[in-house]
Amino acid sequence: MTINAQTKSKLHWACRRGMLELDLLLLPFLENAYDGLSEDERFVFVQMLEIEDPTLYQWFIARLQPEDLPMRALVDKIIAYARRSAV
């Protein structure tokens, strides 16, 4: 299932963060993998974008993990996507 251009545009701007490291993770994931997420995962992705940058950064470098299991699963999915894309 695809999303409309207006929604994707809003998500694109929400993925633009204050940290380049987060931009490099979130923007490619949005462009290439977001459409393949379930409705529940999309909801969690939008929730994740409300988290402050330092916390997100800690999650993505695996120093901390989200306590919320669906959020943890999505963070793991984004990390795995980034690793596959880097190879």
C-alpha atoms as a PDB file:
ATOM      1  CA  MET A   1       0.000   0.000   0.000  1.00  0.00           C
ATOM      2  CA  THR A   2       1.413   3.394  -0.943  1.00  0.00           C
ATOM      3  CA  ILE A   3       0.788   6.732   0.710  1.00  0.00           C
ATOM      4  CA  ASN A   4      -0.173   9.981  -0.944  1.00  0.00           C
ATOM      5  CA  ALA A   5       2.415  12.582  -1.905  1.00  0.00           C
ATOM      6  CA  GLN A   6       1.262  15.136   0.675  1.00  0.00           C
ATOM      7  CA  THR A   7       1.654  12.690   3.560  1.00  0.00           C
ATOM      8  CA  LYS A   8       5.041  11.567   2.284  1.00  0.00           C
ATOM      9  CA  SER A   9       6.149  15.196   1.983  1.00  0.00           C
ATOM     10  CA  LYS A  10       5.173  15.874   5.605  1.00  0.00           C
ATOM     11  CA  LEU A  11       7.051  12.784   6.737  1.00  0.00           C
ATOM     12  CA  HIS A  12      10.058  13.832   4.675  1.00  0.00           C
ATOM     13  CA  TRP A  13      10.270  17.128   6.540  1.00  0.00           C
ATOM     14  CA  ALA A  14       9.753  15.382   9.880  1.00  0.00           C
ATOM     15  CA  CYS A  15      12.688  13.092   9.028  1.00  0.00           C
ATOM     16  CA  ARG A  16      14.921  16.131   8.510  1.00  0.00           C
ATOM     17  CA  ARG A  17      16.509  16.322  11.918  1.00  0.00           C
ATOM     18  CA  GLY A  18      19.061  18.467  13.685  1.00  0.00           C
ATOM     19  CA  MET A  19      21.635  15.694  13.339  1.00  0.00           C
ATOM     20  CA  LEU A  20      23.035  14.642   9.974  1.00  0.00           C
ATOM     21  CA  GLU A  21      23.471  11.083  11.285  1.00  0.00           C
ATOM     22  CA  LEU A  22      19.718  10.814  11.797  1.00  0.00           C
ATOM     23  CA  ASP A  23      18.965  12.328   8.385  1.00  0.00           C
ATOM     24  CA  LEU A  24      21.194   9.681   6.800  1.00  0.00           C
ATOM     25  CA  LEU A  25      19.211   6.913   8.497  1.00  0.00           C
ATOM     26  CA  LEU A  26      15.663   8.196   8.359  1.00  0.00           C
ATOM     27  CA  LEU A  27      15.405   9.784   4.909  1.00  0.00           C
ATOM     28  CA  PRO A  28      16.579   6.749   2.895  1.00  0.00           C
ATOM     29  CA  PHE A  29      14.358   4.493   5.010  1.00  0.00           C
ATOM     30  CA  LEU A  30      11.368   6.738   4.344  1.00  0.00           C
ATOM     31  CA  GLU A  31      12.050   6.856   0.609  1.00  0.00           C
ATOM     32  CA  ASN A  32      12.809   3.162   0.109  1.00  0.00           C
ATOM     33  CA  ALA A  33      11.212   1.099   2.869  1.00  0.00           C
ATOM     34  CA  TYR A  34       8.348   3.052   4.452  1.00  0.00           C
ATOM     35  CA  ASP A  35       5.781   2.012   1.832  1.00  0.00           C
ATOM     36  CA  GLY A  36       6.417  -1.624   2.779  1.00  0.00           C
ATOM     37  CA  LEU A  37       5.575  -1.108   6.459  1.00  0.00           C
ATOM     38  CA  SER A  38       2.321  -2.295   7.964  1.00  0.00           C
ATOM     39  CA  GLU A  39      -0.217   0.284   9.127  1.00  0.00           C
ATOM     40  CA  ASP A  40       0.859  -0.364  12.727  1.00  0.00           C
ATOM     41  CA  GLU A  41       4.527   0.133  11.852  1.00  0.00           C
ATOM     42  CA  ARG A  42       3.694   3.367  10.029  1.00  0.00           C
ATOM     43  CA  PHE A  43       1.920   4.617  13.142  1.00  0.00           C
ATOM     44  CA  VAL A  44       4.988   3.762  15.247  1.00  0.00           C
ATOM     45  CA  PHE A  45       7.240   5.508  12.690  1.00  0.00           C
ATOM     46  CA  VAL A  46       5.224   8.715  13.050  1.00  0.00           C
ATOM     47  CA  GLN A  47       5.414   8.386  16.845  1.00  0.00           C
ATOM     48  CA  MET A  48       9.168   7.842  16.597  1.00  0.00           C
ATOM     49  CA  LEU A  49       9.563  11.131  14.728  1.00  0.00           C
ATOM     50  CA  GLU A  50       8.278  12.910  17.841  1.00  0.00           C
ATOM     51  CA  ILE A  51      11.207  11.603  19.913  1.00  0.00           C
ATOM     52  CA  GLU A  52      14.064  14.018  20.554  1.00  0.00           C
ATOM     53  CA  ASP A  53      17.221  13.638  18.487  1.00  0.00           C
ATOM     54  CA  PRO A  54      19.608  12.629  21.321  1.00  0.00           C
ATOM     55  CA  THR A  55      17.332   9.740  22.287  1.00  0.00           C
ATOM     56  CA  LEU A  56      16.913   8.594  18.686  1.00  0.00           C
ATOM     57  CA  TYR A  57      20.660   8.758  18.191  1.00  0.00           C
ATOM     58  CA  GLN A  58      21.245   6.593  21.269  1.00  0.00           C
ATOM     59  CA  TRP A  59      18.738   4.070  19.938  1.00  0.00           C
ATOM     60  CA  PHE A  60      20.353   3.921  16.518  1.00  0.00           C
ATOM     61  CA  ILE A  61      23.879   3.465  17.820  1.00  0.00           C
ATOM     62  CA  ALA A  62      22.503   0.728  20.107  1.00  0.00           C
ATOM     63  CA  ARG A  63      23.514   2.339  23.378  1.00  0.00           C
ATOM     64  CA  LEU A  64      19.884   2.367  24.490  1.00  0.00           C
ATOM     65  CA  GLN A  65      16.790   0.525  23.359  1.00  0.00           C
ATOM     66  CA  PRO A  66      13.219   1.761  23.372  1.00  0.00           C
ATOM     67  CA  GLU A  67      11.179   0.204  26.152  1.00  0.00           C
ATOM     68  CA  ASP A  68       8.156   0.028  23.834  1.00  0.00           C
ATOM     69  CA  LEU A  69       8.433  -3.266  21.930  1.00  0.00           C
ATOM     70  CA  PRO A  70       6.876  -2.072  18.641  1.00  0.00           C
ATOM     71  CA  MET A  71       9.214   0.952  18.711  1.00  0.00           C
ATOM     72  CA  ARG A  72      12.192  -1.322  19.401  1.00  0.00           C
ATOM     73  CA  ALA A  73      11.210  -3.551  16.475  1.00  0.00           C
ATOM     74  CA  LEU A  74      10.987  -0.546  14.151  1.00  0.00           C
ATOM     75  CA  VAL A  75      14.350   0.831  15.313  1.00  0.00           C
ATOM     76  CA  ASP A  76      15.877  -2.606  14.657  1.00  0.00           C
ATOM     77  CA  LYS A  77      14.276  -2.626  11.197  1.00  0.00           C
ATOM     78  CA  ILE A  78      15.737   0.801  10.370  1.00  0.00           C
ATOM     79  CA  ILE A  79      19.182  -0.262  11.597  1.00  0.00           C
ATOM     80  CA  ALA A  80      19.013  -3.451   9.520  1.00  0.00           C
ATOM     81  CA  TYR A  81      17.928  -1.464   6.463  1.00  0.00           C
ATOM     82  CA  ALA A  82      20.838   0.950   6.905  1.00  0.00           C
ATOM     83  CA  ARG A  83      23.326  -1.924   7.215  1.00  0.00           C
ATOM     84  CA  ARG A  84      21.995  -3.633   4.077  1.00  0.00           C
ATOM     85  CA  SER A  85      22.120  -0.356   2.160  1.00  0.00           C
ATOM     86  CA  ALA A  86      25.692   0.378   3.222  1.00  0.00           C
ATOM     87  CA  VAL A  87      27.034  -2.870   1.777  1.00  0.00           C
END
